[in-house]
Amino acid sequence: MTTSHPSGDERYAAIDRTMKRFKYEKDALLEVLNTAQETFGYLSQDLLIYIAEQLKLPLIRVYGVATFYHMFT
């Protein structure tokens, strides 16, 4: 499992730690999105793709959850 982002952006390390803490379980999606929101301040398309790939989830599911909850921007 690759857990480092190719861009070298250190902020991804916080997301990686959250995913690792939850053992990359798909049910951790909300917690991972929350960490990403707190770390980056917003959820970009690249960030959603990264999360989907790491949690082995379809991008549409990650996007759907991210856009359903008003706390995510």
PDB file of N, CA and C in Angstrom:
ATOM      1  N   MET A   1       0.847  -1.181   0.000  1.00  0.00           N
ATOM      2  CA  MET A   1       0.000   0.000   0.000  1.00  0.00           C
ATOM      3  C   MET A   1       0.887   1.237   0.000  1.00  0.00           C
ATOM      4  N   THR A   2       0.766   2.051  -1.023  1.00  0.00           N
ATOM      5  CA  THR A   2       1.521   3.290  -1.090  1.00  0.00           C
ATOM      6  C   THR A   2       0.775   4.350  -0.299  1.00  0.00           C
ATOM      7  N   THR A   3       1.484   4.988   0.617  1.00  0.00           N
ATOM      8  CA  THR A   3       0.819   6.004   1.432  1.00  0.00           C
ATOM      9  C   THR A   3       1.508   7.354   1.353  1.00  0.00           C
ATOM     10  N   SER A   4       2.320   7.563   0.352  1.00  0.00           N
ATOM     11  CA  SER A   4       2.928   8.880   0.187  1.00  0.00           C
ATOM     12  C   SER A   4       2.464   9.457  -1.138  1.00  0.00           C
ATOM     13  N   HIS A   5       2.122  10.709  -1.116  1.00  0.00           N
ATOM     14  CA  HIS A   5       1.617  11.360  -2.313  1.00  0.00           C
ATOM     15  C   HIS A   5       2.776  11.740  -3.214  1.00  0.00           C
ATOM     16  N   PRO A   6       2.643  11.497  -4.508  1.00  0.00           N
ATOM     17  CA  PRO A   6       3.742  11.789  -5.435  1.00  0.00           C
ATOM     18  C   PRO A   6       4.179  13.253  -5.453  1.00  0.00           C
ATOM     19  N   SER A   7       3.293  14.155  -5.071  1.00  0.00           N
ATOM     20  CA  SER A   7       3.646  15.574  -5.088  1.00  0.00           C
ATOM     21  C   SER A   7       4.637  15.925  -3.987  1.00  0.00           C
ATOM     22  N   GLY A   8       4.734  15.059  -2.978  1.00  0.00           N
ATOM     23  CA  GLY A   8       5.610  15.350  -1.849  1.00  0.00           C
ATOM     24  C   GLY A   8       4.979  16.293  -0.838  1.00  0.00           C
ATOM     25  N   ASP A   9       3.717  16.657  -1.033  1.00  0.00           N
ATOM     26  CA  ASP A   9       3.006  17.557  -0.123  1.00  0.00           C
ATOM     27  C   ASP A   9       2.867  16.876   1.238  1.00  0.00           C
ATOM     28  N   GLU A  10       3.460  17.468   2.249  1.00  0.00           N
ATOM     29  CA  GLU A  10       3.479  16.885   3.589  1.00  0.00           C
ATOM     30  C   GLU A  10       2.092  16.806   4.230  1.00  0.00           C
ATOM     31  N   ARG A  11       1.147  17.594   3.745  1.00  0.00           N
ATOM     32  CA  ARG A  11      -0.196  17.560   4.329  1.00  0.00           C
ATOM     33  C   ARG A  11      -0.868  16.206   4.130  1.00  0.00           C
ATOM     34  N   TYR A  12      -0.453  15.495   3.091  1.00  0.00           N
ATOM     35  CA  TYR A  12      -1.022  14.168   2.855  1.00  0.00           C
ATOM     36  C   TYR A  12      -0.658  13.195   3.968  1.00  0.00           C
ATOM     37  N   ALA A  13       0.414  13.463   4.699  1.00  0.00           N
ATOM     38  CA  ALA A  13       0.834  12.589   5.797  1.00  0.00           C
ATOM     39  C   ALA A  13      -0.247  12.513   6.875  1.00  0.00           C
ATOM     40  N   ALA A  14      -0.949  13.609   7.127  1.00  0.00           N
ATOM     41  CA  ALA A  14      -2.028  13.605   8.120  1.00  0.00           C
ATOM     42  C   ALA A  14      -3.163  12.684   7.675  1.00  0.00           C
ATOM     43  N   ILE A  15      -3.472  12.724   6.395  1.00  0.00           N
ATOM     44  CA  ILE A  15      -4.516  11.850   5.856  1.00  0.00           C
ATOM     45  C   ILE A  15      -4.057  10.398   5.926  1.00  0.00           C
ATOM     46  N   ASP A  16      -2.805  10.171   5.579  1.00  0.00           N
ATOM     47  CA  ASP A  16      -2.250   8.814   5.642  1.00  0.00           C
ATOM     48  C   ASP A  16      -2.311   8.255   7.057  1.00  0.00           C
ATOM     49  N   ARG A  17      -1.997   9.093   8.045  1.00  0.00           N
ATOM     50  CA  ARG A  17      -2.045   8.639   9.442  1.00  0.00           C
ATOM     51  C   ARG A  17      -3.468   8.247   9.846  1.00  0.00           C
ATOM     52  N   THR A  18      -4.437   9.034   9.413  1.00  0.00           N
ATOM     53  CA  THR A  18      -5.833   8.714   9.731  1.00  0.00           C
ATOM     54  C   THR A  18      -6.239   7.402   9.078  1.00  0.00           C
ATOM     55  N   MET A  19      -5.892   7.215   7.819  1.00  0.00           N
ATOM     56  CA  MET A  19      -6.240   5.969   7.136  1.00  0.00           C
ATOM     57  C   MET A  19      -5.553   4.781   7.804  1.00  0.00           C
ATOM     58  N   LYS A  20      -4.307   4.958   8.191  1.00  0.00           N
ATOM     59  CA  LYS A  20      -3.578   3.876   8.852  1.00  0.00           C
ATOM     60  C   LYS A  20      -4.214   3.544  10.200  1.00  0.00           C
ATOM     61  N   ARG A  21      -4.602   4.579  10.955  1.00  0.00           N
ATOM     62  CA  ARG A  21      -5.228   4.366  12.260  1.00  0.00           C
ATOM     63  C   ARG A  21      -6.501   3.529  12.128  1.00  0.00           C
ATOM     64  N   PHE A  22      -7.229   3.734  11.040  1.00  0.00           N
ATOM     65  CA  PHE A  22      -8.465   2.990  10.795  1.00  0.00           C
ATOM     66  C   PHE A  22      -8.244   1.780   9.892  1.00  0.00           C
ATOM     67  N   LYS A  23      -6.986   1.418   9.677  1.00  0.00           N
ATOM     68  CA  LYS A  23      -6.596   0.225   8.911  1.00  0.00           C
ATOM     69  C   LYS A  23      -7.176   0.226   7.497  1.00  0.00           C
ATOM     70  N   TYR A  24      -7.261   1.397   6.908  1.00  0.00           N
ATOM     71  CA  TYR A  24      -7.728   1.559   5.536  1.00  0.00           C
ATOM     72  C   TYR A  24      -9.122   0.971   5.313  1.00  0.00           C
ATOM     73  N   GLU A  25      -9.920   0.917   6.376  1.00  0.00           N
ATOM     74  CA  GLU A  25     -11.293   0.416   6.268  1.00  0.00           C
ATOM     75  C   GLU A  25     -12.147   1.430   5.509  1.00  0.00           C
ATOM     76  N   LYS A  26     -13.012   0.922   4.678  1.00  0.00           N
ATOM     77  CA  LYS A  26     -13.896   1.787   3.900  1.00  0.00           C
ATOM     78  C   LYS A  26     -14.819   2.610   4.804  1.00  0.00           C
ATOM     79  N   ASP A  27     -15.151   2.055   5.969  1.00  0.00           N
ATOM     80  CA  ASP A  27     -16.039   2.750   6.901  1.00  0.00           C
ATOM     81  C   ASP A  27     -15.396   3.991   7.514  1.00  0.00           C
ATOM     82  N   ALA A  28     -14.120   4.180   7.301  1.00  0.00           N
ATOM     83  CA  ALA A  28     -13.408   5.338   7.849  1.00  0.00           C
ATOM     84  C   ALA A  28     -13.526   6.567   6.946  1.00  0.00           C
ATOM     85  N   LEU A  29     -14.293   6.467   5.888  1.00  0.00           N
ATOM     86  CA  LEU A  29     -14.356   7.548   4.900  1.00  0.00           C
ATOM     87  C   LEU A  29     -14.687   8.903   5.524  1.00  0.00           C
ATOM     88  N   LEU A  30     -15.686   8.983   6.371  1.00  0.00           N
ATOM     89  CA  LEU A  30     -16.047  10.274   6.975  1.00  0.00           C
ATOM     90  C   LEU A  30     -14.903  10.851   7.791  1.00  0.00           C
ATOM     91  N   GLU A  31     -14.247  10.017   8.563  1.00  0.00           N
ATOM     92  CA  GLU A  31     -13.124  10.483   9.379  1.00  0.00           C
ATOM     93  C   GLU A  31     -11.973  10.962   8.496  1.00  0.00           C
ATOM     94  N   VAL A  32     -11.710  10.241   7.414  1.00  0.00           N
ATOM     95  CA  VAL A  32     -10.636  10.627   6.493  1.00  0.00           C
ATOM     96  C   VAL A  32     -10.986  11.947   5.805  1.00  0.00           C
ATOM     97  N   LEU A  33     -12.228  12.088   5.368  1.00  0.00           N
ATOM     98  CA  LEU A  33     -12.648  13.346   4.743  1.00  0.00           C
ATOM     99  C   LEU A  33     -12.555  14.504   5.732  1.00  0.00           C
ATOM    100  N   ASN A  34     -12.919  14.264   6.967  1.00  0.00           N
ATOM    101  CA  ASN A  34     -12.821  15.300   7.993  1.00  0.00           C
ATOM    102  C   ASN A  34     -11.367  15.723   8.202  1.00  0.00           C
ATOM    103  N   THR A  35     -10.469  14.754   8.280  1.00  0.00           N
ATOM    104  CA  THR A  35      -9.042  15.066   8.420  1.00  0.00           C
ATOM    105  C   THR A  35      -8.554  15.868   7.220  1.00  0.00           C
ATOM    106  N   ALA A  36      -8.967  15.458   6.033  1.00  0.00           N
ATOM    107  CA  ALA A  36      -8.558  16.163   4.814  1.00  0.00           C
ATOM    108  C   ALA A  36      -9.072  17.602   4.821  1.00  0.00           C
ATOM    109  N   GLN A  37     -10.328  17.781   5.220  1.00  0.00           N
ATOM    110  CA  GLN A  37     -10.919  19.129   5.288  1.00  0.00           C
ATOM    111  C   GLN A  37     -10.156  20.004   6.276  1.00  0.00           C
ATOM    112  N   GLU A  38      -9.853  19.456   7.448  1.00  0.00           N
ATOM    113  CA  GLU A  38      -9.122  20.218   8.465  1.00  0.00           C
ATOM    114  C   GLU A  38      -7.705  20.551   8.006  1.00  0.00           C
ATOM    115  N   THR A  39      -7.078  19.634   7.303  1.00  0.00           N
ATOM    116  CA  THR A  39      -5.684  19.808   6.894  1.00  0.00           C
ATOM    117  C   THR A  39      -5.540  20.747   5.705  1.00  0.00           C
ATOM    118  N   PHE A  40      -6.390  20.574   4.701  1.00  0.00           N
ATOM    119  CA  PHE A  40      -6.277  21.355   3.468  1.00  0.00           C
ATOM    120  C   PHE A  40      -7.187  22.580   3.453  1.00  0.00           C
ATOM    121  N   GLY A  41      -8.257  22.550   4.241  1.00  0.00           N
ATOM    122  CA  GLY A  41      -9.204  23.656   4.236  1.00  0.00           C
ATOM    123  C   GLY A  41     -10.303  23.496   3.205  1.00  0.00           C
ATOM    124  N   TYR A  42     -10.155  22.552   2.296  1.00  0.00           N
ATOM    125  CA  TYR A  42     -11.151  22.259   1.265  1.00  0.00           C
ATOM    126  C   TYR A  42     -10.822  20.884   0.690  1.00  0.00           C
ATOM    127  N   LEU A  43     -11.768  20.329  -0.056  1.00  0.00           N
ATOM    128  CA  LEU A  43     -11.568  19.015  -0.662  1.00  0.00           C
ATOM    129  C   LEU A  43     -11.481  19.176  -2.177  1.00  0.00           C
ATOM    130  N   SER A  44     -10.280  19.117  -2.695  1.00  0.00           N
ATOM    131  CA  SER A  44     -10.080  19.242  -4.138  1.00  0.00           C
ATOM    132  C   SER A  44     -10.357  17.906  -4.825  1.00  0.00           C
ATOM    133  N   GLN A  45     -10.513  17.950  -6.126  1.00  0.00           N
ATOM    134  CA  GLN A  45     -10.736  16.726  -6.891  1.00  0.00           C
ATOM    135  C   GLN A  45      -9.546  15.777  -6.734  1.00  0.00           C
ATOM    136  N   ASP A  46      -8.329  16.301  -6.785  1.00  0.00           N
ATOM    137  CA  ASP A  46      -7.140  15.461  -6.616  1.00  0.00           C
ATOM    138  C   ASP A  46      -7.135  14.776  -5.258  1.00  0.00           C
ATOM    139  N   LEU A  47      -7.561  15.487  -4.247  1.00  0.00           N
ATOM    140  CA  LEU A  47      -7.607  14.935  -2.896  1.00  0.00           C
ATOM    141  C   LEU A  47      -8.648  13.820  -2.799  1.00  0.00           C
ATOM    142  N   LEU A  48      -9.807  14.023  -3.404  1.00  0.00           N
ATOM    143  CA  LEU A  48     -10.844  12.988  -3.405  1.00  0.00           C
ATOM    144  C   LEU A  48     -10.379  11.746  -4.157  1.00  0.00           C
ATOM    145  N   ILE A  49      -9.677  11.947  -5.252  1.00  0.00           N
ATOM    146  CA  ILE A  49      -9.133  10.816  -6.015  1.00  0.00           C
ATOM    147  C   ILE A  49      -8.131  10.047  -5.163  1.00  0.00           C
ATOM    148  N   TYR A  50      -7.258  10.762  -4.481  1.00  0.00           N
ATOM    149  CA  TYR A  50      -6.257  10.126  -3.623  1.00  0.00           C
ATOM    150  C   TYR A  50      -6.933   9.284  -2.540  1.00  0.00           C
ATOM    151  N   ILE A  51      -7.930   9.843  -1.890  1.00  0.00           N
ATOM    152  CA  ILE A  51      -8.641   9.130  -0.826  1.00  0.00           C
ATOM    153  C   ILE A  51      -9.336   7.894  -1.391  1.00  0.00           C
ATOM    154  N   ALA A  52      -9.995   8.044  -2.524  1.00  0.00           N
ATOM    155  CA  ALA A  52     -10.681   6.909  -3.151  1.00  0.00           C
ATOM    156  C   ALA A  52      -9.700   5.785  -3.471  1.00  0.00           C
ATOM    157  N   GLU A  53      -8.557   6.136  -4.030  1.00  0.00           N
ATOM    158  CA  GLU A  53      -7.561   5.120  -4.379  1.00  0.00           C
ATOM    159  C   GLU A  53      -7.024   4.423  -3.139  1.00  0.00           C
ATOM    160  N   GLN A  54      -6.722   5.186  -2.100  1.00  0.00           N
ATOM    161  CA  GLN A  54      -6.134   4.607  -0.894  1.00  0.00           C
ATOM    162  C   GLN A  54      -7.122   3.716  -0.141  1.00  0.00           C
ATOM    163  N   LEU A  55      -8.392   4.096  -0.124  1.00  0.00           N
ATOM    164  CA  LEU A  55      -9.402   3.298   0.576  1.00  0.00           C
ATOM    165  C   LEU A  55     -10.038   2.250  -0.336  1.00  0.00           C
ATOM    166  N   LYS A  56      -9.596   2.229  -1.595  1.00  0.00           N
ATOM    167  CA  LYS A  56     -10.137   1.291  -2.586  1.00  0.00           C
ATOM    168  C   LYS A  56     -11.663   1.422  -2.712  1.00  0.00           C
ATOM    169  N   LEU A  57     -12.077   2.660  -2.852  1.00  0.00           N
ATOM    170  CA  LEU A  57     -13.489   2.982  -3.026  1.00  0.00           C
ATOM    171  C   LEU A  57     -13.700   3.608  -4.395  1.00  0.00           C
ATOM    172  N   PRO A  58     -14.887   3.446  -4.975  1.00  0.00           N
ATOM    173  CA  PRO A  58     -15.175   4.155  -6.219  1.00  0.00           C
ATOM    174  C   PRO A  58     -15.166   5.668  -5.961  1.00  0.00           C
ATOM    175  N   LEU A  59     -14.618   6.417  -6.883  1.00  0.00           N
ATOM    176  CA  LEU A  59     -14.561   7.871  -6.730  1.00  0.00           C
ATOM    177  C   LEU A  59     -15.956   8.460  -6.534  1.00  0.00           C
ATOM    178  N   ILE A  60     -16.944   7.914  -7.212  1.00  0.00           N
ATOM    179  CA  ILE A  60     -18.301   8.451  -7.095  1.00  0.00           C
ATOM    180  C   ILE A  60     -18.824   8.334  -5.663  1.00  0.00           C
ATOM    181  N   ARG A  61     -18.429   7.301  -4.953  1.00  0.00           N
ATOM    182  CA  ARG A  61     -18.855   7.160  -3.545  1.00  0.00           C
ATOM    183  C   ARG A  61     -18.205   8.233  -2.678  1.00  0.00           C
ATOM    184  N   VAL A  62     -16.905   8.440  -2.866  1.00  0.00           N
ATOM    185  CA  VAL A  62     -16.190   9.459  -2.095  1.00  0.00           C
ATOM    186  C   VAL A  62     -16.765  10.838  -2.421  1.00  0.00           C
ATOM    187  N   TYR A  63     -16.966  11.107  -3.696  1.00  0.00           N
ATOM    188  CA  TYR A  63     -17.531  12.385  -4.121  1.00  0.00           C
ATOM    189  C   TYR A  63     -18.945  12.565  -3.554  1.00  0.00           C
ATOM    190  N   GLY A  64     -19.744  11.503  -3.596  1.00  0.00           N
ATOM    191  CA  GLY A  64     -21.107  11.569  -3.086  1.00  0.00           C
ATOM    192  C   GLY A  64     -21.157  11.912  -1.607  1.00  0.00           C
ATOM    193  N   VAL A  65     -20.305  11.287  -0.825  1.00  0.00           N
ATOM    194  CA  VAL A  65     -20.258  11.572   0.615  1.00  0.00           C
ATOM    195  C   VAL A  65     -19.763  12.996   0.851  1.00  0.00           C
ATOM    196  N   ALA A  66     -18.727  13.389   0.120  1.00  0.00           N
ATOM    197  CA  ALA A  66     -18.143  14.723   0.301  1.00  0.00           C
ATOM    198  C   ALA A  66     -19.132  15.829  -0.058  1.00  0.00           C
ATOM    199  N   THR A  67     -19.992  15.593  -1.029  1.00  0.00           N
ATOM    200  CA  THR A  67     -20.939  16.634  -1.437  1.00  0.00           C
ATOM    201  C   THR A  67     -22.255  16.557  -0.669  1.00  0.00           C
ATOM    202  N   PHE A  68     -22.539  15.436  -0.043  1.00  0.00           N
ATOM    203  CA  PHE A  68     -23.777  15.294   0.724  1.00  0.00           C
ATOM    204  C   PHE A  68     -23.732  16.093   2.021  1.00  0.00           C
ATOM    205  N   TYR A  69     -22.604  16.034   2.704  1.00  0.00           N
ATOM    206  CA  TYR A  69     -22.481  16.700   3.997  1.00  0.00           C
ATOM    207  C   TYR A  69     -22.047  18.152   3.813  1.00  0.00           C
ATOM    208  N   HIS A  70     -22.789  19.062   4.416  1.00  0.00           N
ATOM    209  CA  HIS A  70     -22.518  20.495   4.269  1.00  0.00           C
ATOM    210  C   HIS A  70     -21.228  20.939   4.952  1.00  0.00           C
ATOM    211  N   MET A  71     -20.697  20.114   5.839  1.00  0.00           N
ATOM    212  CA  MET A  71     -19.466  20.496   6.540  1.00  0.00           C
ATOM    213  C   MET A  71     -18.238  20.418   5.638  1.00  0.00           C
ATOM    214  N   PHE A  72     -18.372  19.728   4.505  1.00  0.00           N
ATOM    215  CA  PHE A  72     -17.244  19.604   3.580  1.00  0.00           C
ATOM    216  C   PHE A  72     -17.386  20.612   2.450  1.00  0.00           C
ATOM    217  N   THR A  73     -16.241  21.237   2.099  1.00  0.00           N
ATOM    218  CA  THR A  73     -16.260  22.205   1.001  1.00  0.00           C
ATOM    219  C   THR A  73     -15.215  21.861  -0.024  1.00  0.00           C
TER     220      THR A  73
END
